[in-house]
C-alpha atoms as a PDB file:
ATOM      1  CA  VAL A   1      88.428  75.845 -54.905  1.00  0.00           C
ATOM      2  CA  SER A   2      90.233  74.618 -51.404  1.00  0.00           C
ATOM      3  CA  LYS A   3      93.824  75.137 -51.325  1.00  0.00           C
ATOM      4  CA  GLU A   4      94.835  78.908 -51.140  1.00  0.00           C
ATOM      5  CA  GLN A   5      97.164  78.330 -53.634  1.00  0.00           C
ATOM      6  CA  SER A   6      95.944  76.746 -56.298  1.00  0.00           C
ATOM      7  CA  LEU A   7      93.107  80.131 -55.872  1.00  0.00           C
ATOM      8  CA  ASN A   8      95.359  82.264 -56.607  1.00  0.00           C
ATOM      9  CA  ASP A   9      96.889  81.186 -59.358  1.00  0.00           C
ATOM     10  CA  ALA A  10      93.039  81.557 -60.793  1.00  0.00           C
ATOM     11  CA  PHE A  11      92.832  84.913 -59.714  1.00  0.00           C
ATOM     12  CA  ASP A  12      96.491  85.310 -60.775  1.00  0.00           C
ATOM     13  CA  THR A  13      95.269  84.057 -64.211  1.00  0.00           C
ATOM     14  CA  ILE A  14      91.966  85.580 -63.756  1.00  0.00           C
ATOM     15  CA  LEU A  15      92.165  89.224 -63.229  1.00  0.00           C
ATOM     16  CA  GLN A  16      95.240  89.493 -65.033  1.00  0.00           C
ATOM     17  CA  ALA A  17      91.919  91.091 -67.749  1.00  0.00           C
ATOM     18  CA  ASN A  18      91.514  94.330 -68.284  1.00  0.00           C
ATOM     19  CA  LEU A  19      87.407  94.152 -65.779  1.00  0.00           C
ATOM     20  CA  ASN A  20      86.149  96.320 -64.714  1.00  0.00           C
ATOM     21  CA  ARG A  21      83.178  94.048 -63.280  1.00  0.00           C
ATOM     22  CA  PHE A  22      83.845  91.452 -60.476  1.00  0.00           C
ATOM     23  CA  GLU A  23      79.631  89.060 -59.590  1.00  0.00           C
ATOM     24  CA  ILE A  24      79.984  86.897 -56.140  1.00  0.00           C
ATOM     25  CA  SER A  25      77.934  84.061 -56.991  1.00  0.00           C
ATOM     26  CA  ILE A  26      78.813  81.361 -53.878  1.00  0.00           C
ATOM     27  CA  VAL A  27      80.918  81.435 -52.268  1.00  0.00           C
ATOM     28  CA  GLU A  28      81.479  78.572 -49.181  1.00  0.00           C
ATOM     29  CA  ASP A  29      85.379  78.767 -48.159  1.00  0.00           C
ATOM     30  CA  GLU A  30      86.066  81.676 -46.027  1.00  0.00           C
ATOM     31  CA  MET A  31      89.585  81.627 -46.402  1.00  0.00           C
ATOM     32  CA  ALA A  32      88.424  81.796 -50.682  1.00  0.00           C
ATOM     33  CA  TYR A  33      87.409  85.195 -49.259  1.00  0.00           C
ATOM     34  CA  ASP A  34      91.087  86.435 -48.239  1.00  0.00           C
ATOM     35  CA  VAL A  35      92.708  85.277 -51.118  1.00  0.00           C
ATOM     36  CA  LEU A  36      89.595  88.477 -53.111  1.00  0.00           C
ATOM     37  CA  TYR A  37      90.253  91.026 -50.687  1.00  0.00           C
ATOM     38  CA  LYS A  38      94.027  91.038 -51.242  1.00  0.00           C
ATOM     39  CA  ASN A  39      93.546  90.525 -55.240  1.00  0.00           C
ATOM     40  CA  LEU A  40      91.226  92.701 -55.590  1.00  0.00           C
ATOM     41  CA  LEU A  41      92.328  95.626 -53.554  1.00  0.00           C
ATOM     42  CA  HIS A  42      94.672  97.106 -55.344  1.00  0.00           C
ATOM     43  CA  HIS A  43      93.438  95.988 -58.930  1.00  0.00           C
ATOM     44  CA  PRO A  44      94.146  99.327 -61.698  1.00  0.00           C
ATOM     45  CA  THR A  45      90.739  98.447 -63.312  1.00  0.00           C
ATOM     46  CA  ILE A  46      87.406  97.438 -61.169  1.00  0.00           C
ATOM     47  CA  THR A  47      85.173  99.673 -60.771  1.00  0.00           C
ATOM     48  CA  LYS A  48      82.130  97.901 -59.468  1.00  0.00           C
ATOM     49  CA  LEU A  49      81.244  94.850 -57.259  1.00  0.00           C
ATOM     50  CA  ASP A  50      78.554  92.430 -57.371  1.00  0.00           C
ATOM     51  CA  ILE A  51      77.252  90.326 -54.768  1.00  0.00           C
ATOM     52  CA  PRO A  52      74.361  88.474 -55.033  1.00  0.00           C
ATOM     53  CA  THR A  53      72.345  86.326 -51.820  1.00  0.00           C
ATOM     54  CA  ALA A  54      74.292  85.607 -49.669  1.00  0.00           C
ATOM     55  CA  LYS A  55      73.541  81.918 -48.093  1.00  0.00           C
ATOM     56  CA  TYR A  56      77.405  80.951 -46.999  1.00  0.00           C
ATOM     57  CA  CYS A  57      79.346  82.722 -44.607  1.00  0.00           C
ATOM     58  CA  LYS A  58      77.548  85.241 -44.359  1.00  0.00           C
ATOM     59  CA  GLU A  59      79.944  87.288 -41.437  1.00  0.00           C
ATOM     60  CA  ALA A  60      83.286  86.498 -43.736  1.00  0.00           C
ATOM     61  CA  LEU A  61      81.418  87.993 -46.994  1.00  0.00           C
ATOM     62  CA  VAL A  62      80.216  91.499 -45.372  1.00  0.00           C
ATOM     63  CA  ASP A  63      83.728  92.102 -43.716  1.00  0.00           C
ATOM     64  CA  PHE A  64      85.283  91.323 -47.220  1.00  0.00           C
ATOM     65  CA  CYS A  65      83.345  93.978 -48.401  1.00  0.00           C
ATOM     66  CA  CYS A  66      84.301  96.321 -46.034  1.00  0.00           C
ATOM     67  CA  ASN A  67      87.347  96.078 -46.331  1.00  0.00           C
ATOM     68  CA  LEU A  68      87.499  96.363 -49.906  1.00  0.00           C
ATOM     69  CA  ILE A  69      84.746  99.876 -49.218  1.00  0.00           C
ATOM     70  CA  ALA A  70      86.977 101.290 -46.963  1.00  0.00           C
ATOM     71  CA  ASN A  71      90.293 100.520 -48.735  1.00  0.00           C
ATOM     72  CA  SER A  72      90.316  99.900 -52.535  1.00  0.00           C
ATOM     73  CA  ASP A  73      91.050 103.228 -54.441  1.00  0.00           C
ATOM     74  CA  THR A  74      88.694 102.018 -57.542  1.00  0.00           C
ATOM     75  CA  LEU A  75      86.133 100.618 -56.094  1.00  0.00           C
ATOM     76  CA  GLU A  76      83.316 102.694 -56.869  1.00  0.00           C
ATOM     77  CA  GLU A  77      80.074 100.410 -56.927  1.00  0.00           C
ATOM     78  CA  VAL A  78      78.318  97.651 -55.102  1.00  0.00           C
ATOM     79  CA  LEU A  79      75.789  95.484 -55.047  1.00  0.00           C
ATOM     80  CA  PHE A  80      74.723  94.511 -52.412  1.00  0.00           C
ATOM     81  CA  GLN A  81      71.348  92.510 -52.762  1.00  0.00           C
ATOM     82  CA  ASP A  82      69.740  91.374 -49.680  1.00  0.00           C
ATOM     83  CA  ILE A  83      70.551  93.223 -47.285  1.00  0.00           C
ATOM     84  CA  GLY A  84      68.018  92.207 -45.006  1.00  0.00           C
ATOM     85  CA  SER A  85      68.904  88.901 -44.802  1.00  0.00           C
ATOM     86  CA  LEU A  86      71.951  89.614 -42.902  1.00  0.00           C
ATOM     87  CA  ASN A  87      71.530  90.396 -39.272  1.00  0.00           C
ATOM     88  CA  GLU A  88      72.002  94.131 -37.383  1.00  0.00           C
ATOM     89  CA  ASP A  89      75.436  94.163 -36.404  1.00  0.00           C
ATOM     90  CA  MET A  90      76.542  93.346 -40.273  1.00  0.00           C
ATOM     91  CA  VAL A  91      74.388  95.853 -41.594  1.00  0.00           C
ATOM     92  CA  GLN A  92      75.915  98.263 -39.279  1.00  0.00           C
ATOM     93  CA  LYS A  93      79.406  97.396 -40.011  1.00  0.00           C
ATOM     94  CA  LEU A  94      78.158  97.295 -43.442  1.00  0.00           C
ATOM     95  CA  PHE A  95      77.251 101.426 -43.169  1.00  0.00           C
ATOM     96  CA  ASN A  96      80.164 101.554 -41.045  1.00  0.00           C
ATOM     97  CA  SER A  97      82.191 101.439 -44.259  1.00  0.00           C
ATOM     98  CA  LEU A  98      81.311 103.801 -45.866  1.00  0.00           C
ATOM     99  CA  LYS A  99      82.655 106.749 -43.456  1.00  0.00           C
ATOM    100  CA  THR A 100      85.956 105.919 -44.925  1.00  0.00           C
ATOM    101  CA  SER A 101      85.956 104.787 -48.956  1.00  0.00           C
ATOM    102  CA  PRO A 102      88.474 107.063 -50.363  1.00  0.00           C
ATOM    103  CA  ASN A 103      86.423 106.203 -54.279  1.00  0.00           C
ATOM    104  CA  LEU A 104      82.520 104.391 -53.458  1.00  0.00           C
ATOM    105  CA  LYS A 105      79.697 106.198 -55.339  1.00  0.00           C
ATOM    106  CA  VAL A 106      76.925 103.987 -55.536  1.00  0.00           C
ATOM    107  CA  LEU A 107      76.052 101.676 -52.578  1.00  0.00           C
ATOM    108  CA  ASP A 108      72.908  99.696 -54.522  1.00  0.00           C
ATOM    109  CA  LEU A 109      70.721  97.236 -51.724  1.00  0.00           C
ATOM    110  CA  ARG A 110      67.598  96.127 -54.151  1.00  0.00           C
ATOM    111  CA  THR A 111      66.806  93.005 -53.428  1.00  0.00           C
ATOM    112  CA  SER A 112      67.373  90.120 -55.937  1.00  0.00           C
ATOM    113  CA  ARG A 113      62.970  89.677 -55.966  1.00  0.00           C
ATOM    114  CA  TYR A 114      63.354  93.251 -56.572  1.00  0.00           C
ATOM    115  CA  LEU A 115      65.067  92.957 -59.086  1.00  0.00           C
ATOM    116  CA  GLU A 116      64.034  89.474 -60.809  1.00  0.00           C
ATOM    117  CA  THR A 117      60.647  91.799 -60.885  1.00  0.00           C
ATOM    118  CA  LEU A 118      60.758  95.380 -61.785  1.00  0.00           C
ATOM    119  CA  GLN A 119      57.661  95.643 -64.551  1.00  0.00           C
ATOM    120  CA  LYS A 120      55.316  94.609 -61.219  1.00  0.00           C
ATOM    121  CA  ASP A 121      52.015  96.932 -61.082  1.00  0.00           C
ATOM    122  CA  SER A 122      51.032  96.790 -57.486  1.00  0.00           C
ATOM    123  CA  PRO A 123      52.189  99.677 -55.370  1.00  0.00           C
ATOM    124  CA  GLY A 124      54.011  98.693 -51.813  1.00  0.00           C
ATOM    125  CA  TRP A 125      54.431  95.573 -53.326  1.00  0.00           C
ATOM    126  CA  GLY A 126      57.454  95.577 -50.764  1.00  0.00           C
ATOM    127  CA  SER A 127      55.852  94.344 -47.496  1.00  0.00           C
ATOM    128  CA  SER A 128      56.498  91.614 -48.822  1.00  0.00           C
ATOM    129  CA  ASN A 129      59.808  91.544 -48.959  1.00  0.00           C
ATOM    130  CA  PRO A 130      62.351  90.752 -46.990  1.00  0.00           C
ATOM    131  CA  VAL A 131      62.505  92.924 -43.435  1.00  0.00           C
ATOM    132  CA  LEU A 132      65.463  95.972 -43.716  1.00  0.00           C
ATOM    133  CA  HIS A 133      65.427  97.302 -39.987  1.00  0.00           C
ATOM    134  CA  VAL A 134      66.882 100.678 -39.687  1.00  0.00           C
ATOM    135  CA  GLU A 135      67.885 101.077 -36.421  1.00  0.00           C
ATOM    136  CA  PRO A 136      70.843 100.135 -37.342  1.00  0.00           C
ATOM    137  CA  ILE A 137      71.442 102.280 -39.937  1.00  0.00           C
ATOM    138  CA  MET A 138      70.407 105.376 -38.271  1.00  0.00           C
ATOM    139  CA  ALA A 139      73.116 104.328 -35.856  1.00  0.00           C
ATOM    140  CA  SER A 140      76.172 104.610 -38.687  1.00  0.00           C
ATOM    141  CA  LEU A 141      74.898 108.261 -40.003  1.00  0.00           C
ATOM    142  CA  GLU A 142      74.928 109.482 -36.659  1.00  0.00           C
ATOM    143  CA  SER A 143      77.977 109.665 -36.661  1.00  0.00           C
ATOM    144  CA  PHE A 144      79.078 110.751 -40.959  1.00  0.00           C
ATOM    145  CA  GLU A 145      78.803 114.441 -40.054  1.00  0.00           C
ATOM    146  CA  GLY A 146      82.784 115.307 -40.905  1.00  0.00           C
ATOM    147  CA  SER A 147      83.354 112.227 -42.532  1.00  0.00           C
ATOM    148  CA  GLN A 148      84.293 111.712 -45.695  1.00  0.00           C
ATOM    149  CA  CYS A 149      82.732 110.041 -47.533  1.00  0.00           C
ATOM    150  CA  SER A 150      81.991 109.669 -51.040  1.00  0.00           C
ATOM    151  CA  LEU A 151      78.940 108.442 -51.599  1.00  0.00           C
ATOM    152  CA  ARG A 152      76.691 109.262 -54.073  1.00  0.00           C
ATOM    153  CA  THR A 153      73.559 107.397 -54.917  1.00  0.00           C
ATOM    154  CA  LEU A 154      72.021 105.077 -52.477  1.00  0.00           C
ATOM    155  CA  ASP A 155      69.093 102.507 -53.716  1.00  0.00           C
ATOM    156  CA  PHE A 156      66.742 100.428 -50.889  1.00  0.00           C
ATOM    157  CA  GLY A 157      64.630  98.935 -53.631  1.00  0.00           C
ATOM    158  CA  GLY A 158      62.064  96.455 -52.941  1.00  0.00           C
ATOM    159  CA  ASN A 159      63.597  96.379 -49.506  1.00  0.00           C
ATOM    160  CA  ALA A 160      60.028  96.461 -46.641  1.00  0.00           C
ATOM    161  CA  MET A 161      61.054  99.403 -43.956  1.00  0.00           C
ATOM    162  CA  ALA A 162      59.217  98.100 -41.009  1.00  0.00           C
ATOM    163  CA  SER A 163      60.760  99.385 -39.057  1.00  0.00           C
ATOM    164  CA  SER A 164      58.834 102.363 -36.299  1.00  0.00           C
ATOM    165  CA  THR A 165      57.714 105.375 -37.030  1.00  0.00           C
ATOM    166  CA  SER A 166      59.820 107.052 -34.762  1.00  0.00           C
ATOM    167  CA  MET A 167      62.566 105.212 -36.016  1.00  0.00           C
ATOM    168  CA  VAL A 168      61.518 105.939 -40.170  1.00  0.00           C
ATOM    169  CA  CYS A 169      61.390 109.305 -39.659  1.00  0.00           C
ATOM    170  CA  PRO A 170      64.101 110.753 -38.423  1.00  0.00           C
ATOM    171  CA  PHE A 171      66.110 107.892 -40.387  1.00  0.00           C
ATOM    172  CA  VAL A 172      65.429 109.786 -43.397  1.00  0.00           C
ATOM    173  CA  SER A 173      65.659 113.380 -42.107  1.00  0.00           C
ATOM    174  CA  ASN A 174      69.682 111.400 -41.490  1.00  0.00           C
ATOM    175  CA  LEU A 175      69.955 111.021 -45.387  1.00  0.00           C
ATOM    176  CA  LEU A 176      68.382 113.692 -46.725  1.00  0.00           C
ATOM    177  CA  SER A 177      70.558 115.807 -44.768  1.00  0.00           C
ATOM    178  CA  SER A 178      72.489 117.391 -47.075  1.00  0.00           C
ATOM    179  CA  SER A 179      75.917 117.301 -44.802  1.00  0.00           C
ATOM    180  CA  LEU A 180      75.038 113.452 -46.035  1.00  0.00           C
ATOM    181  CA  GLY A 181      75.011 114.958 -50.042  1.00  0.00           C
ATOM    182  CA  LEU A 182      73.705 112.486 -51.852  1.00  0.00           C
ATOM    183  CA  GLU A 183      72.063 112.811 -54.634  1.00  0.00           C
ATOM    184  CA  ARG A 184      69.946 110.232 -56.261  1.00  0.00           C
ATOM    185  CA  LEU A 185      67.945 108.131 -53.757  1.00  0.00           C
ATOM    186  CA  SER A 186      65.186 105.380 -54.062  1.00  0.00           C
ATOM    187  CA  PHE A 187      63.206 103.977 -51.871  1.00  0.00           C
ATOM    188  CA  ARG A 188      61.112 101.986 -55.036  1.00  0.00           C
ATOM    189  CA  GLY A 189      58.773  99.208 -53.733  1.00  0.00           C
ATOM    190  CA  CYS A 190      59.988 100.019 -49.268  1.00  0.00           C
ATOM    191  CA  ALA A 191      55.849 100.021 -48.535  1.00  0.00           C
ATOM    192  CA  LEU A 192      57.107 102.858 -46.494  1.00  0.00           C
ATOM    193  CA  ALA A 193      54.661 104.457 -44.286  1.00  0.00           C
ATOM    194  CA  GLU A 194      52.270 107.554 -45.022  1.00  0.00           C
ATOM    195  CA  GLU A 195      54.198 109.054 -41.665  1.00  0.00           C
ATOM    196  CA  GLY A 196      58.086 108.154 -43.975  1.00  0.00           C
ATOM    197  CA  LEU A 197      56.862 109.594 -46.621  1.00  0.00           C
ATOM    198  CA  LEU A 198      55.671 112.635 -45.926  1.00  0.00           C
ATOM    199  CA  SER A 199      59.027 113.001 -43.857  1.00  0.00           C
ATOM    200  CA  VAL A 200      60.796 112.647 -47.002  1.00  0.00           C
ATOM    201  CA  ALA A 201      58.325 114.938 -48.132  1.00  0.00           C
ATOM    202  CA  LYS A 202      58.982 117.334 -45.584  1.00  0.00           C
ATOM    203  CA  GLU A 203      62.674 117.144 -45.930  1.00  0.00           C
ATOM    204  CA  LEU A 204      62.980 118.284 -49.617  1.00  0.00           C
ATOM    205  CA  GLU A 205      62.268 121.798 -49.168  1.00  0.00           C
ATOM    206  CA  ASN A 206      65.936 122.394 -47.482  1.00  0.00           C
ATOM    207  CA  ASN A 207      67.926 119.481 -49.174  1.00  0.00           C
ATOM    208  CA  SER A 208      69.668 121.520 -51.731  1.00  0.00           C
ATOM    209  CA  SER A 209      71.827 118.457 -53.033  1.00  0.00           C
ATOM    210  CA  LEU A 210      69.975 115.556 -54.228  1.00  0.00           C
ATOM    211  CA  THR A 211      68.689 115.787 -57.658  1.00  0.00           C
ATOM    212  CA  PHE A 212      66.089 112.457 -57.872  1.00  0.00           C
ATOM    213  CA  LEU A 213      63.981 110.781 -55.694  1.00  0.00           C
ATOM    214  CA  ASP A 214      61.715 107.305 -56.953  1.00  0.00           C
ATOM    215  CA  LEU A 215      59.331 107.269 -54.296  1.00  0.00           C
ATOM    216  CA  SER A 216      57.411 104.252 -57.039  1.00  0.00           C
ATOM    217  CA  HIS A 217      55.183 101.627 -55.297  1.00  0.00           C
ATOM    218  CA  ASN A 218      54.485 103.219 -52.794  1.00  0.00           C
ATOM    219  CA  VAL A 219      50.672 104.718 -51.747  1.00  0.00           C
ATOM    220  CA  ILE A 220      50.565 108.282 -51.856  1.00  0.00           C
ATOM    221  CA  SER A 221      48.034 110.300 -50.062  1.00  0.00           C
ATOM    222  CA  LYS A 222      46.731 113.724 -50.854  1.00  0.00           C
ATOM    223  CA  PRO A 223      48.424 114.432 -47.581  1.00  0.00           C
ATOM    224  CA  VAL A 224      51.695 113.505 -48.750  1.00  0.00           C
ATOM    225  CA  MET A 225      51.114 114.922 -52.479  1.00  0.00           C
ATOM    226  CA  GLN A 226      50.846 118.275 -50.933  1.00  0.00           C
ATOM    227  CA  GLN A 227      53.200 119.261 -48.864  1.00  0.00           C
ATOM    228  CA  LEU A 228      55.176 117.477 -51.889  1.00  0.00           C
ATOM    229  CA  ALA A 229      54.424 120.101 -53.431  1.00  0.00           C
ATOM    230  CA  LYS A 230      54.824 122.495 -50.886  1.00  0.00           C
ATOM    231  CA  SER A 231      59.074 121.209 -50.839  1.00  0.00           C
ATOM    232  CA  LEU A 232      59.423 121.060 -54.539  1.00  0.00           C
ATOM    233  CA  ALA A 233      57.775 125.012 -54.874  1.00  0.00           C
ATOM    234  CA  LYS A 234      60.925 126.069 -52.787  1.00  0.00           C
ATOM    235  CA  ASN A 235      63.952 122.830 -53.477  1.00  0.00           C
ATOM    236  CA  THR A 236      65.560 124.757 -56.429  1.00  0.00           C
ATOM    237  CA  THR A 237      67.901 121.619 -57.405  1.00  0.00           C
ATOM    238  CA  LEU A 238      65.666 118.204 -57.817  1.00  0.00           C
ATOM    239  CA  ARG A 239      65.472 116.931 -61.065  1.00  0.00           C
ATOM    240  CA  LYS A 240      63.893 113.912 -61.981  1.00  0.00           C
ATOM    241  CA  LEU A 241      60.852 112.395 -59.877  1.00  0.00           C
ATOM    242  CA  LYS A 242      59.183 109.259 -59.777  1.00  0.00           C
ATOM    243  CA  LEU A 243      56.012 108.321 -58.319  1.00  0.00           C
ATOM    244  CA  GLU A 244      55.264 105.318 -60.604  1.00  0.00           C
ATOM    245  CA  HIS A 245      52.093 103.181 -59.438  1.00  0.00           C
ATOM    246  CA  CYS A 246      51.649 104.508 -55.821  1.00  0.00           C
ATOM    247  CA  LYS A 247      47.452 104.631 -56.527  1.00  0.00           C
ATOM    248  CA  ILE A 248      47.320 108.004 -56.706  1.00  0.00           C
ATOM    249  CA  ASP A 249      43.722 109.927 -58.106  1.00  0.00           C
ATOM    250  CA  LEU A 250      42.425 113.086 -60.012  1.00  0.00           C
ATOM    251  CA  ASP A 251      41.649 114.447 -56.686  1.00  0.00           C
ATOM    252  CA  ILE A 252      45.772 113.711 -55.627  1.00  0.00           C
ATOM    253  CA  VAL A 253      47.393 114.867 -58.406  1.00  0.00           C
ATOM    254  CA  GLU A 254      45.512 118.119 -58.826  1.00  0.00           C
ATOM    255  CA  CYS A 255      47.094 118.910 -55.101  1.00  0.00           C
ATOM    256  CA  LEU A 256      50.136 118.776 -57.436  1.00  0.00           C
ATOM    257  CA  ALA A 257      49.470 120.377 -60.261  1.00  0.00           C
ATOM    258  CA  LYS A 258      48.745 123.449 -58.546  1.00  0.00           C
ATOM    259  CA  SER A 259      52.350 124.228 -58.117  1.00  0.00           C
ATOM    260  CA  LEU A 260      53.820 123.163 -61.126  1.00  0.00           C
ATOM    261  CA  PRO A 261      54.186 126.970 -62.159  1.00  0.00           C
ATOM    262  CA  GLU A 262      56.516 127.313 -58.579  1.00  0.00           C
ATOM    263  CA  MET A 263      58.972 124.878 -59.262  1.00  0.00           C
ATOM    264  CA  GLU A 264      62.031 126.161 -60.935  1.00  0.00           C
ATOM    265  CA  GLY A 265      64.486 123.007 -60.510  1.00  0.00           C
ATOM    266  CA  LEU A 266      62.183 120.096 -60.778  1.00  0.00           C
ATOM    267  CA  GLN A 267      62.593 118.729 -64.479  1.00  0.00           C
ATOM    268  CA  HIS A 268      61.289 115.079 -64.779  1.00  0.00           C
ATOM    269  CA  LEU A 269      57.877 114.107 -63.452  1.00  0.00           C
ATOM    270  CA  HIS A 270      57.629 110.808 -64.393  1.00  0.00           C
ATOM    271  CA  MET A 271      53.985 108.528 -63.253  1.00  0.00           C
END
């Protein structure tokens, strides 16, 4: 639809329904995003927005999504597939919008390939996925201190973390800082290097907000498991840990098994 009034009329009809989930497949006209924003901003029941792979008008799409996240009183969950296809400025803009979001609780960044192959059994398969550089996210997170961010769930599933160790480690530290308040975090299939996984394990020791962590489809080495065991013996808030398809052998399992009696918080362990 190319005429703005026709598009407005269409949305007037569609949005009269008691919808709670809205999916945008392909939008090739920047003007359409303006119309979408005006119609969705004050919609009383839409709580979830799904945005598949962005092929057209990427900048207009990101602006639309950021404005809706920052200003909608009802939007609670956004699925934004293939964030790795965006440039760094767009990624930073998306995360900046979280600082003022009044209600967004879930940001789901799982890639389309990840969603299509959830049952794939190869550890580290995220290494062949679109690369997600963490630098722009880091730059945004550094300014989150004291913000009113409502985000509680962040899922990077299938995004290959290809930045240098010097960036990934502080990135992980910021994500796991209790001041951010994340409760659910997933690095499933993100091809995290050992140094990155060690940072996750170390930060768990002092984290007091996370209740769910998924490190599946990353290669867990013995040093990583030893640090996980040490941290989980002190962490009292993490309830569920997923370590599926991580190339864990019996020797590595024993590192964790010895500390299980000391883990007061952990209730579910998936391996």
